[in-house]
Amino acid sequence: MIRTEDLFKSFGENEVLKGITTSFYPGKANLIIGRSGAGKTVLLKCLVGLMWPSEGHIYYDDAAFSALNKKQIRAIRMQVGMLFQGSALFDSMTVEENVRFPLDMFTNMTRKEKLNRVNETLERVELSGVNSRFPSETSGGMQKRVGIARAIVMDPKYLFCDEPNSGLDPKTAILIDELILNITKDKNITTVINTHDMNSVMEIGDNIVLLHQGKLVWRGNKSEVLESTNTILKDFIFASPFLQRLRKSALENQ
C-alpha cells in the first residue's frame, strides 16, 4: 500500500498540491483523475520519487519515503515499475533489449536467466516472438505492451502508469486496461494510474481519486461514480452528452 499524508507541493509561489491525504491499495486499479492542471502528474511524480513534496509524507507500506537513506530508497525503487505516457522505449534497442534493460541495470542475473525472464514477461503481455523487432516496427498498442513488459520485468510491488491509453484507439485502450488490471490482481501489485480516459474510470476504477485545483475533492470507486452528487465529479465525468444520457438512464432505472 502507498499512502500520502497532508501532501503539499509548490513551485515558487505556485502551490500545486494542497494537503493531499489518501491511500492506494494493493491488488486494485488506483486511478488519479482530474482536469488538466489539477495536480495529477505532480502527485504521480511525488509518489514515484521524481519530485519531493514541499510538505507532508509519503509512505510505502509503513516506511516514510522521505525519511529513508539512499540505500533504503534504492531498495524501494527496485520494487517500482513505471509505464510512461509515450512508452519511452529506446529506439535503437530491440524489444528484447528494451525489456531486458532493468535487468541489466539492477540485477546480477546471467544472460540466460535474463532471456528467460524477458520471454516470460513478453508472453504475459501477449507479445511472444517479437524479441528482435525495433519499436519503429511495432504499432502503438504493441509499444504500450512492451512498455508494460519493461515495467513489470523486475516483478514490481508497485506499478505507476502515466496516461497508459494516450494515443490509442478505443479497442486497444480497453485491451491495455484489461492487461494492467489482470497483472495488478494476479500479482497483488499496488498500481497507480494517472488518466483522463473515462472508459478506464468506468471499467477498472477500483479506487478513484479526483483532484481539483490541487485538492482531493472526491474519492470512491466505479460503482459510486454514477450515483455521486459531487458537482465537480459530475462536471468532469459527464462532460460528454453520451455519458450524461448514461447517467440519466441509470438513475431512472433504480
C-alpha atoms as a PDB file:
ATOM      1  CA  MET A   1       0.000   0.000   0.000  1.00  0.00           C
ATOM      2  CA  ILE A   2       1.056   3.587  -0.622  1.00  0.00           C
ATOM      3  CA  ARG A   3      -0.426   6.454   1.321  1.00  0.00           C
ATOM      4  CA  THR A   4       0.067  10.188   1.466  1.00  0.00           C
ATOM      5  CA  GLU A   5      -0.351  12.374   4.499  1.00  0.00           C
ATOM      6  CA  ASP A   6      -1.078  16.105   4.147  1.00  0.00           C
ATOM      7  CA  LEU A   7       0.996  16.376   0.955  1.00  0.00           C
ATOM      8  CA  PHE A   8       1.886  19.815  -0.410  1.00  0.00           C
ATOM      9  CA  LYS A   9       3.987  20.730  -3.435  1.00  0.00           C
ATOM     10  CA  SER A  10       4.843  24.251  -4.539  1.00  0.00           C
ATOM     11  CA  PHE A  11       6.897  25.746  -7.346  1.00  0.00           C
ATOM     12  CA  GLY A  12       7.830  29.173  -6.092  1.00  0.00           C
ATOM     13  CA  GLU A  13       4.548  30.863  -5.202  1.00  0.00           C
ATOM     14  CA  ASN A  14       2.519  28.378  -7.244  1.00  0.00           C
ATOM     15  CA  GLU A  15       1.011  25.798  -4.875  1.00  0.00           C
ATOM     16  CA  VAL A  16       0.131  22.750  -6.996  1.00  0.00           C
ATOM     17  CA  LEU A  17      -0.757  20.166  -4.332  1.00  0.00           C
ATOM     18  CA  LYS A  18      -2.721  21.333  -1.314  1.00  0.00           C
ATOM     19  CA  GLY A  19      -2.802  18.846   1.526  1.00  0.00           C
ATOM     20  CA  ILE A  20      -3.437  15.528  -0.246  1.00  0.00           C
ATOM     21  CA  THR A  21      -4.192  12.690   2.166  1.00  0.00           C
ATOM     22  CA  THR A  22      -5.193   9.400   0.561  1.00  0.00           C
ATOM     23  CA  SER A  23      -4.280   5.731   0.104  1.00  0.00           C
ATOM     24  CA  PHE A  24      -3.567   3.455  -2.861  1.00  0.00           C
ATOM     25  CA  TYR A  25      -4.214  -0.235  -2.300  1.00  0.00           C
ATOM     26  CA  PRO A  26      -2.564  -3.473  -3.494  1.00  0.00           C
ATOM     27  CA  GLY A  27      -4.435  -5.623  -5.987  1.00  0.00           C
ATOM     28  CA  LYS A  28      -6.542  -2.666  -7.150  1.00  0.00           C
ATOM     29  CA  ALA A  29      -6.514  -0.232 -10.058  1.00  0.00           C
ATOM     30  CA  ASN A  30      -5.992   3.064  -8.207  1.00  0.00           C
ATOM     31  CA  LEU A  31      -6.868   5.946 -10.544  1.00  0.00           C
ATOM     32  CA  ILE A  32      -5.920   9.609 -10.238  1.00  0.00           C
ATOM     33  CA  ILE A  33      -8.288  11.744 -12.318  1.00  0.00           C
ATOM     34  CA  GLY A  34      -8.949  15.440 -12.821  1.00  0.00           C
ATOM     35  CA  ARG A  35      -8.777  18.213 -15.365  1.00  0.00           C
ATOM     36  CA  SER A  36      -5.503  19.433 -16.840  1.00  0.00           C
ATOM     37  CA  GLY A  37      -3.650  21.457 -14.221  1.00  0.00           C
ATOM     38  CA  ALA A  38      -5.375  19.721 -11.309  1.00  0.00           C
ATOM     39  CA  GLY A  39      -2.076  18.315 -10.000  1.00  0.00           C
ATOM     40  CA  LYS A  40      -2.304  14.701 -11.194  1.00  0.00           C
ATOM     41  CA  THR A  41       1.122  14.477 -12.808  1.00  0.00           C
ATOM     42  CA  VAL A  42       2.827  16.285  -9.938  1.00  0.00           C
ATOM     43  CA  LEU A  43       1.225  13.891  -7.455  1.00  0.00           C
ATOM     44  CA  LEU A  44       2.334  10.887  -9.515  1.00  0.00           C
ATOM     45  CA  LYS A  45       5.896  12.225  -9.742  1.00  0.00           C
ATOM     46  CA  CYS A  46       5.976  12.770  -5.984  1.00  0.00           C
ATOM     47  CA  LEU A  47       4.756   9.217  -5.385  1.00  0.00           C
ATOM     48  CA  VAL A  48       7.462   7.802  -7.663  1.00  0.00           C
ATOM     49  CA  GLY A  49      10.183   9.975  -6.154  1.00  0.00           C
ATOM     50  CA  LEU A  50      10.859  12.067  -9.262  1.00  0.00           C
ATOM     51  CA  MET A  51       9.851  15.094  -7.179  1.00  0.00           C
ATOM     52  CA  TRP A  52       9.972  15.742  -3.466  1.00  0.00           C
ATOM     53  CA  PRO A  53       6.931  17.250  -1.744  1.00  0.00           C
ATOM     54  CA  SER A  54       7.278  20.652  -0.098  1.00  0.00           C
ATOM     55  CA  GLU A  55       5.456  19.351   2.972  1.00  0.00           C
ATOM     56  CA  GLY A  56       3.832  16.135   4.130  1.00  0.00           C
ATOM     57  CA  HIS A  57       4.753  12.485   3.894  1.00  0.00           C
ATOM     58  CA  ILE A  58       4.563   9.539   1.520  1.00  0.00           C
ATOM     59  CA  TYR A  59       4.524   6.029   2.967  1.00  0.00           C
ATOM     60  CA  TYR A  60       5.370   2.824   1.162  1.00  0.00           C
ATOM     61  CA  ASP A  61       3.627   0.376   3.463  1.00  0.00           C
ATOM     62  CA  ASP A  62       4.932   1.592   6.846  1.00  0.00           C
ATOM     63  CA  ALA A  63       8.136   3.235   5.570  1.00  0.00           C
ATOM     64  CA  ALA A  64       8.198   7.044   5.364  1.00  0.00           C
ATOM     65  CA  PHE A  65       9.806   7.576   1.958  1.00  0.00           C
ATOM     66  CA  SER A  66      11.372  10.974   2.722  1.00  0.00           C
ATOM     67  CA  ALA A  67      12.974   9.673   5.927  1.00  0.00           C
ATOM     68  CA  LEU A  68      14.851   6.814   4.249  1.00  0.00           C
ATOM     69  CA  ASN A  69      18.548   6.843   3.449  1.00  0.00           C
ATOM     70  CA  LYS A  70      19.874   6.382  -0.099  1.00  0.00           C
ATOM     71  CA  LYS A  71      20.271   2.620   0.280  1.00  0.00           C
ATOM     72  CA  GLN A  72      16.708   2.209   1.562  1.00  0.00           C
ATOM     73  CA  ILE A  73      15.282   4.445  -1.188  1.00  0.00           C
ATOM     74  CA  ARG A  74      17.139   2.407  -3.805  1.00  0.00           C
ATOM     75  CA  ALA A  75      15.657  -0.782  -2.328  1.00  0.00           C
ATOM     76  CA  ILE A  76      12.130   0.616  -2.734  1.00  0.00           C
ATOM     77  CA  ARG A  77      12.836   1.871  -6.249  1.00  0.00           C
ATOM     78  CA  MET A  78      13.936  -1.642  -7.147  1.00  0.00           C
ATOM     79  CA  GLN A  79      10.328  -2.642  -6.422  1.00  0.00           C
ATOM     80  CA  VAL A  80       8.827   0.078  -8.639  1.00  0.00           C
ATOM     81  CA  GLY A  81       7.748  -0.282 -12.277  1.00  0.00           C
ATOM     82  CA  MET A  82       6.889   2.733 -14.426  1.00  0.00           C
ATOM     83  CA  LEU A  83       4.874   2.915 -17.646  1.00  0.00           C
ATOM     84  CA  PHE A  84       5.427   6.322 -19.240  1.00  0.00           C
ATOM     85  CA  GLN A  85       2.841   8.165 -21.316  1.00  0.00           C
ATOM     86  CA  GLY A  86       4.706   7.750 -24.590  1.00  0.00           C
ATOM     87  CA  SER A  87       6.055   4.302 -23.638  1.00  0.00           C
ATOM     88  CA  ALA A  88       9.585   5.875 -23.646  1.00  0.00           C
ATOM     89  CA  LEU A  89      11.193   2.943 -25.424  1.00  0.00           C
ATOM     90  CA  PHE A  90      14.759   3.195 -26.673  1.00  0.00           C
ATOM     91  CA  ASP A  91      14.511   3.442 -30.456  1.00  0.00           C
ATOM     92  CA  SER A  92      17.975   1.957 -31.004  1.00  0.00           C
ATOM     93  CA  MET A  93      17.181  -1.134 -28.928  1.00  0.00           C
ATOM     94  CA  THR A  94      15.135  -4.158 -29.902  1.00  0.00           C
ATOM     95  CA  VAL A  95      12.038  -5.165 -27.949  1.00  0.00           C
ATOM     96  CA  GLU A  96      14.116  -7.756 -26.094  1.00  0.00           C
ATOM     97  CA  GLU A  97      16.799  -5.207 -25.200  1.00  0.00           C
ATOM     98  CA  ASN A  98      14.197  -2.680 -24.036  1.00  0.00           C
ATOM     99  CA  VAL A  99      12.505  -5.189 -21.736  1.00  0.00           C
ATOM    100  CA  ARG A 100      15.859  -6.517 -20.508  1.00  0.00           C
ATOM    101  CA  PHE A 101      17.163  -3.038 -19.670  1.00  0.00           C
ATOM    102  CA  PRO A 102      16.095  -3.010 -15.975  1.00  0.00           C
ATOM    103  CA  LEU A 103      17.583  -6.486 -15.503  1.00  0.00           C
ATOM    104  CA  ASP A 104      20.880  -5.275 -16.967  1.00  0.00           C
ATOM    105  CA  MET A 105      20.846  -2.231 -14.703  1.00  0.00           C
ATOM    106  CA  PHE A 106      19.770  -3.709 -11.400  1.00  0.00           C
ATOM    107  CA  THR A 107      20.410  -7.471 -11.273  1.00  0.00           C
ATOM    108  CA  ASN A 108      23.255  -9.959 -11.402  1.00  0.00           C
ATOM    109  CA  MET A 109      21.263 -12.486 -13.391  1.00  0.00           C
ATOM    110  CA  THR A 110      23.046 -14.484 -16.070  1.00  0.00           C
ATOM    111  CA  ARG A 111      22.276 -13.739 -19.716  1.00  0.00           C
ATOM    112  CA  LYS A 112      20.238 -16.939 -19.951  1.00  0.00           C
ATOM    113  CA  GLU A 113      18.253 -16.048 -16.829  1.00  0.00           C
ATOM    114  CA  LYS A 114      17.560 -12.599 -18.248  1.00  0.00           C
ATOM    115  CA  LEU A 115      16.398 -14.030 -21.561  1.00  0.00           C
ATOM    116  CA  ASN A 116      14.082 -16.469 -19.810  1.00  0.00           C
ATOM    117  CA  ARG A 117      12.635 -13.667 -17.724  1.00  0.00           C
ATOM    118  CA  VAL A 118      12.177 -11.419 -20.776  1.00  0.00           C
ATOM    119  CA  ASN A 119      10.422 -14.191 -22.699  1.00  0.00           C
ATOM    120  CA  GLU A 120       8.123 -14.976 -19.758  1.00  0.00           C
ATOM    121  CA  THR A 121       7.207 -11.299 -19.481  1.00  0.00           C
ATOM    122  CA  LEU A 122       6.611 -10.848 -23.208  1.00  0.00           C
ATOM    123  CA  GLU A 123       4.355 -13.888 -23.119  1.00  0.00           C
ATOM    124  CA  ARG A 124       2.470 -12.298 -20.210  1.00  0.00           C
ATOM    125  CA  VAL A 125       1.690  -9.247 -22.346  1.00  0.00           C
ATOM    126  CA  GLU A 126       0.901 -11.415 -25.408  1.00  0.00           C
ATOM    127  CA  LEU A 127       3.992 -10.434 -27.407  1.00  0.00           C
ATOM    128  CA  SER A 128       5.814 -13.735 -27.725  1.00  0.00           C
ATOM    129  CA  GLY A 129       8.249 -13.883 -30.629  1.00  0.00           C
ATOM    130  CA  VAL A 130       8.765 -10.161 -31.221  1.00  0.00           C
ATOM    131  CA  ASN A 131      12.160 -10.008 -29.448  1.00  0.00           C
ATOM    132  CA  SER A 132      14.153  -8.873 -32.474  1.00  0.00           C
ATOM    133  CA  ARG A 133      11.805  -6.115 -33.633  1.00  0.00           C
ATOM    134  CA  PHE A 134      12.571  -2.450 -33.062  1.00  0.00           C
ATOM    135  CA  PRO A 135       9.942  -0.074 -31.623  1.00  0.00           C
ATOM    136  CA  SER A 136       9.514   1.552 -35.045  1.00  0.00           C
ATOM    137  CA  GLU A 137       8.443  -1.837 -36.394  1.00  0.00           C
ATOM    138  CA  THR A 138       5.570  -2.173 -33.919  1.00  0.00           C
ATOM    139  CA  SER A 139       2.166  -0.496 -33.539  1.00  0.00           C
ATOM    140  CA  GLY A 140       1.280   1.990 -30.815  1.00  0.00           C
ATOM    141  CA  GLY A 141      -0.596  -0.697 -28.878  1.00  0.00           C
ATOM    142  CA  MET A 142       2.346  -3.079 -29.115  1.00  0.00           C
ATOM    143  CA  GLN A 143       4.696  -0.358 -27.894  1.00  0.00           C
ATOM    144  CA  LYS A 144       2.462   0.143 -24.859  1.00  0.00           C
ATOM    145  CA  ARG A 145       2.627  -3.585 -24.150  1.00  0.00           C
ATOM    146  CA  VAL A 146       6.417  -3.537 -24.498  1.00  0.00           C
ATOM    147  CA  GLY A 147       6.401  -0.629 -22.038  1.00  0.00           C
ATOM    148  CA  ILE A 148       4.281  -2.676 -19.643  1.00  0.00           C
ATOM    149  CA  ALA A 149       6.618  -5.653 -20.054  1.00  0.00           C
ATOM    150  CA  ARG A 150       9.614  -3.492 -19.191  1.00  0.00           C
ATOM    151  CA  ALA A 151       7.749  -2.050 -16.198  1.00  0.00           C
ATOM    152  CA  ILE A 152       6.919  -5.488 -14.752  1.00  0.00           C
ATOM    153  CA  VAL A 153      10.025  -7.478 -15.732  1.00  0.00           C
ATOM    154  CA  MET A 154      11.501  -6.914 -12.255  1.00  0.00           C
ATOM    155  CA  ASP A 155       8.281  -8.264 -10.706  1.00  0.00           C
ATOM    156  CA  PRO A 156       7.499  -4.939  -9.012  1.00  0.00           C
ATOM    157  CA  LYS A 157       5.463  -4.441  -5.877  1.00  0.00           C
ATOM    158  CA  TYR A 158       4.350  -1.002  -7.102  1.00  0.00           C
ATOM    159  CA  LEU A 159       3.381  -0.023 -10.656  1.00  0.00           C
ATOM    160  CA  PHE A 160       2.834   3.536 -11.898  1.00  0.00           C
ATOM    161  CA  CYS A 161       1.149   4.276 -15.228  1.00  0.00           C
ATOM    162  CA  ASP A 162       1.030   7.764 -16.732  1.00  0.00           C
ATOM    163  CA  GLU A 163      -1.842   8.053 -19.225  1.00  0.00           C
ATOM    164  CA  PRO A 164      -1.456   4.447 -20.459  1.00  0.00           C
ATOM    165  CA  ASN A 165      -4.178   4.864 -23.102  1.00  0.00           C
ATOM    166  CA  SER A 166      -2.891   8.094 -24.583  1.00  0.00           C
ATOM    167  CA  GLY A 167      -2.912   7.985 -28.381  1.00  0.00           C
ATOM    168  CA  LEU A 168      -4.611   4.585 -28.615  1.00  0.00           C
ATOM    169  CA  ASP A 169      -7.835   3.676 -30.396  1.00  0.00           C
ATOM    170  CA  PRO A 170     -10.731   2.675 -28.088  1.00  0.00           C
ATOM    171  CA  LYS A 171     -10.413  -1.074 -28.709  1.00  0.00           C
ATOM    172  CA  THR A 172      -6.672  -1.116 -27.996  1.00  0.00           C
ATOM    173  CA  ALA A 173      -7.193   1.115 -24.946  1.00  0.00           C
ATOM    174  CA  ILE A 174      -9.619  -1.439 -23.495  1.00  0.00           C
ATOM    175  CA  LEU A 175      -7.078  -4.227 -24.064  1.00  0.00           C
ATOM    176  CA  ILE A 176      -4.373  -2.209 -22.278  1.00  0.00           C
ATOM    177  CA  ASP A 177      -6.741  -1.531 -19.362  1.00  0.00           C
ATOM    178  CA  GLU A 178      -7.590  -5.211 -19.057  1.00  0.00           C
ATOM    179  CA  LEU A 179      -3.928  -6.197 -19.235  1.00  0.00           C
ATOM    180  CA  ILE A 180      -2.907  -3.759 -16.489  1.00  0.00           C
ATOM    181  CA  LEU A 181      -5.832  -4.808 -14.291  1.00  0.00           C
ATOM    182  CA  ASN A 182      -5.134  -8.538 -14.733  1.00  0.00           C
ATOM    183  CA  ILE A 183      -1.448  -8.108 -13.909  1.00  0.00           C
ATOM    184  CA  THR A 184      -2.375  -5.973 -10.890  1.00  0.00           C
ATOM    185  CA  LYS A 185      -4.728  -8.565  -9.467  1.00  0.00           C
ATOM    186  CA  ASP A 186      -2.618 -11.616 -10.359  1.00  0.00           C
ATOM    187  CA  LYS A 187       0.485 -10.188  -8.675  1.00  0.00           C
ATOM    188  CA  ASN A 188      -1.328  -8.134  -5.988  1.00  0.00           C
ATOM    189  CA  ILE A 189       0.524  -5.021  -7.167  1.00  0.00           C
ATOM    190  CA  THR A 190      -0.220  -1.526  -5.887  1.00  0.00           C
ATOM    191  CA  THR A 191      -0.985   0.077  -9.255  1.00  0.00           C
ATOM    192  CA  VAL A 192      -1.475   3.839  -9.563  1.00  0.00           C
ATOM    193  CA  ILE A 193      -2.792   5.179 -12.886  1.00  0.00           C
ATOM    194  CA  ASN A 194      -2.949   8.807 -13.955  1.00  0.00           C
ATOM    195  CA  THR A 195      -5.684   9.018 -16.596  1.00  0.00           C
ATOM    196  CA  HIS A 196      -8.172  11.182 -18.484  1.00  0.00           C
ATOM    197  CA  ASP A 197      -9.854   8.139 -20.027  1.00  0.00           C
ATOM    198  CA  MET A 198     -13.435   7.832 -18.811  1.00  0.00           C
ATOM    199  CA  ASN A 199     -13.663   4.272 -20.129  1.00  0.00           C
ATOM    200  CA  SER A 200     -10.833   3.398 -17.730  1.00  0.00           C
ATOM    201  CA  VAL A 201     -12.677   5.090 -14.885  1.00  0.00           C
ATOM    202  CA  MET A 202     -15.899   3.165 -15.530  1.00  0.00           C
ATOM    203  CA  GLU A 203     -14.292  -0.192 -16.363  1.00  0.00           C
ATOM    204  CA  ILE A 204     -11.346  -0.641 -13.961  1.00  0.00           C
ATOM    205  CA  GLY A 205     -11.684   2.104 -11.340  1.00  0.00           C
ATOM    206  CA  ASP A 206     -11.385   0.162  -8.076  1.00  0.00           C
ATOM    207  CA  ASN A 207     -10.195   3.203  -6.129  1.00  0.00           C
ATOM    208  CA  ILE A 208     -10.584   6.626  -7.762  1.00  0.00           C
ATOM    209  CA  VAL A 209      -9.094   9.882  -6.504  1.00  0.00           C
ATOM    210  CA  LEU A 210     -10.377  13.132  -8.047  1.00  0.00           C
ATOM    211  CA  LEU A 211      -8.134  16.193  -7.853  1.00  0.00           C
ATOM    212  CA  HIS A 212      -9.381  19.723  -8.469  1.00  0.00           C
ATOM    213  CA  GLN A 213      -7.114  22.763  -8.259  1.00  0.00           C
ATOM    214  CA  GLY A 214      -4.604  20.779  -6.216  1.00  0.00           C
ATOM    215  CA  LYS A 215      -7.081  19.416  -3.689  1.00  0.00           C
ATOM    216  CA  LEU A 216      -8.625  15.976  -3.255  1.00  0.00           C
ATOM    217  CA  VAL A 217     -12.339  16.626  -3.715  1.00  0.00           C
ATOM    218  CA  TRP A 218     -13.795  13.119  -4.147  1.00  0.00           C
ATOM    219  CA  ARG A 219     -12.815   9.508  -3.652  1.00  0.00           C
ATOM    220  CA  GLY A 220     -14.744   6.344  -4.476  1.00  0.00           C
ATOM    221  CA  ASN A 221     -14.983   3.510  -6.981  1.00  0.00           C
ATOM    222  CA  LYS A 222     -16.529   2.995 -10.413  1.00  0.00           C
ATOM    223  CA  SER A 223     -19.824   1.799  -8.909  1.00  0.00           C
ATOM    224  CA  GLU A 224     -20.192   5.033  -6.950  1.00  0.00           C
ATOM    225  CA  VAL A 225     -19.456   7.389  -9.828  1.00  0.00           C
ATOM    226  CA  LEU A 226     -22.936   7.363 -11.383  1.00  0.00           C
ATOM    227  CA  GLU A 227     -24.646   7.878  -8.030  1.00  0.00           C
ATOM    228  CA  SER A 228     -22.383  10.630  -6.718  1.00  0.00           C
ATOM    229  CA  THR A 229     -23.832  14.072  -6.036  1.00  0.00           C
ATOM    230  CA  ASN A 230     -20.390  15.715  -6.081  1.00  0.00           C
ATOM    231  CA  THR A 231     -20.775  18.562  -8.569  1.00  0.00           C
ATOM    232  CA  ILE A 232     -17.080  18.682  -9.517  1.00  0.00           C
ATOM    233  CA  LEU A 233     -17.095  14.961 -10.254  1.00  0.00           C
ATOM    234  CA  LYS A 234     -20.296  15.234 -12.299  1.00  0.00           C
ATOM    235  CA  ASP A 235     -18.931  18.153 -14.317  1.00  0.00           C
ATOM    236  CA  PHE A 236     -15.750  16.194 -15.025  1.00  0.00           C
ATOM    237  CA  ILE A 237     -17.146  12.723 -15.678  1.00  0.00           C
ATOM    238  CA  PHE A 238     -20.290  13.708 -17.561  1.00  0.00           C
ATOM    239  CA  ALA A 239     -18.786  16.324 -19.837  1.00  0.00           C
ATOM    240  CA  SER A 240     -19.911  14.364 -22.909  1.00  0.00           C
ATOM    241  CA  PRO A 241     -23.615  14.163 -23.870  1.00  0.00           C
ATOM    242  CA  PHE A 242     -23.357  10.352 -24.136  1.00  0.00           C
ATOM    243  CA  LEU A 243     -22.278   9.962 -20.517  1.00  0.00           C
ATOM    244  CA  GLN A 244     -24.946  12.433 -19.420  1.00  0.00           C
ATOM    245  CA  ARG A 245     -27.579  10.215 -21.048  1.00  0.00           C
ATOM    246  CA  LEU A 246     -25.984   7.102 -19.492  1.00  0.00           C
ATOM    247  CA  ARG A 247     -26.191   8.604 -16.020  1.00  0.00           C
ATOM    248  CA  LYS A 248     -29.780   9.739 -16.543  1.00  0.00           C
ATOM    249  CA  SER A 249     -30.757   6.246 -17.702  1.00  0.00           C
ATOM    250  CA  ALA A 250     -29.031   4.623 -14.723  1.00  0.00           C
ATOM    251  CA  LEU A 251     -30.824   6.882 -12.256  1.00  0.00           C
ATOM    252  CA  GLU A 252     -34.205   6.286 -13.932  1.00  0.00           C
ATOM    253  CA  ASN A 253     -33.739   2.502 -13.690  1.00  0.00           C
ATOM    254  CA  GLN A 254     -33.007   2.496  -9.960  1.00  0.00           C
END
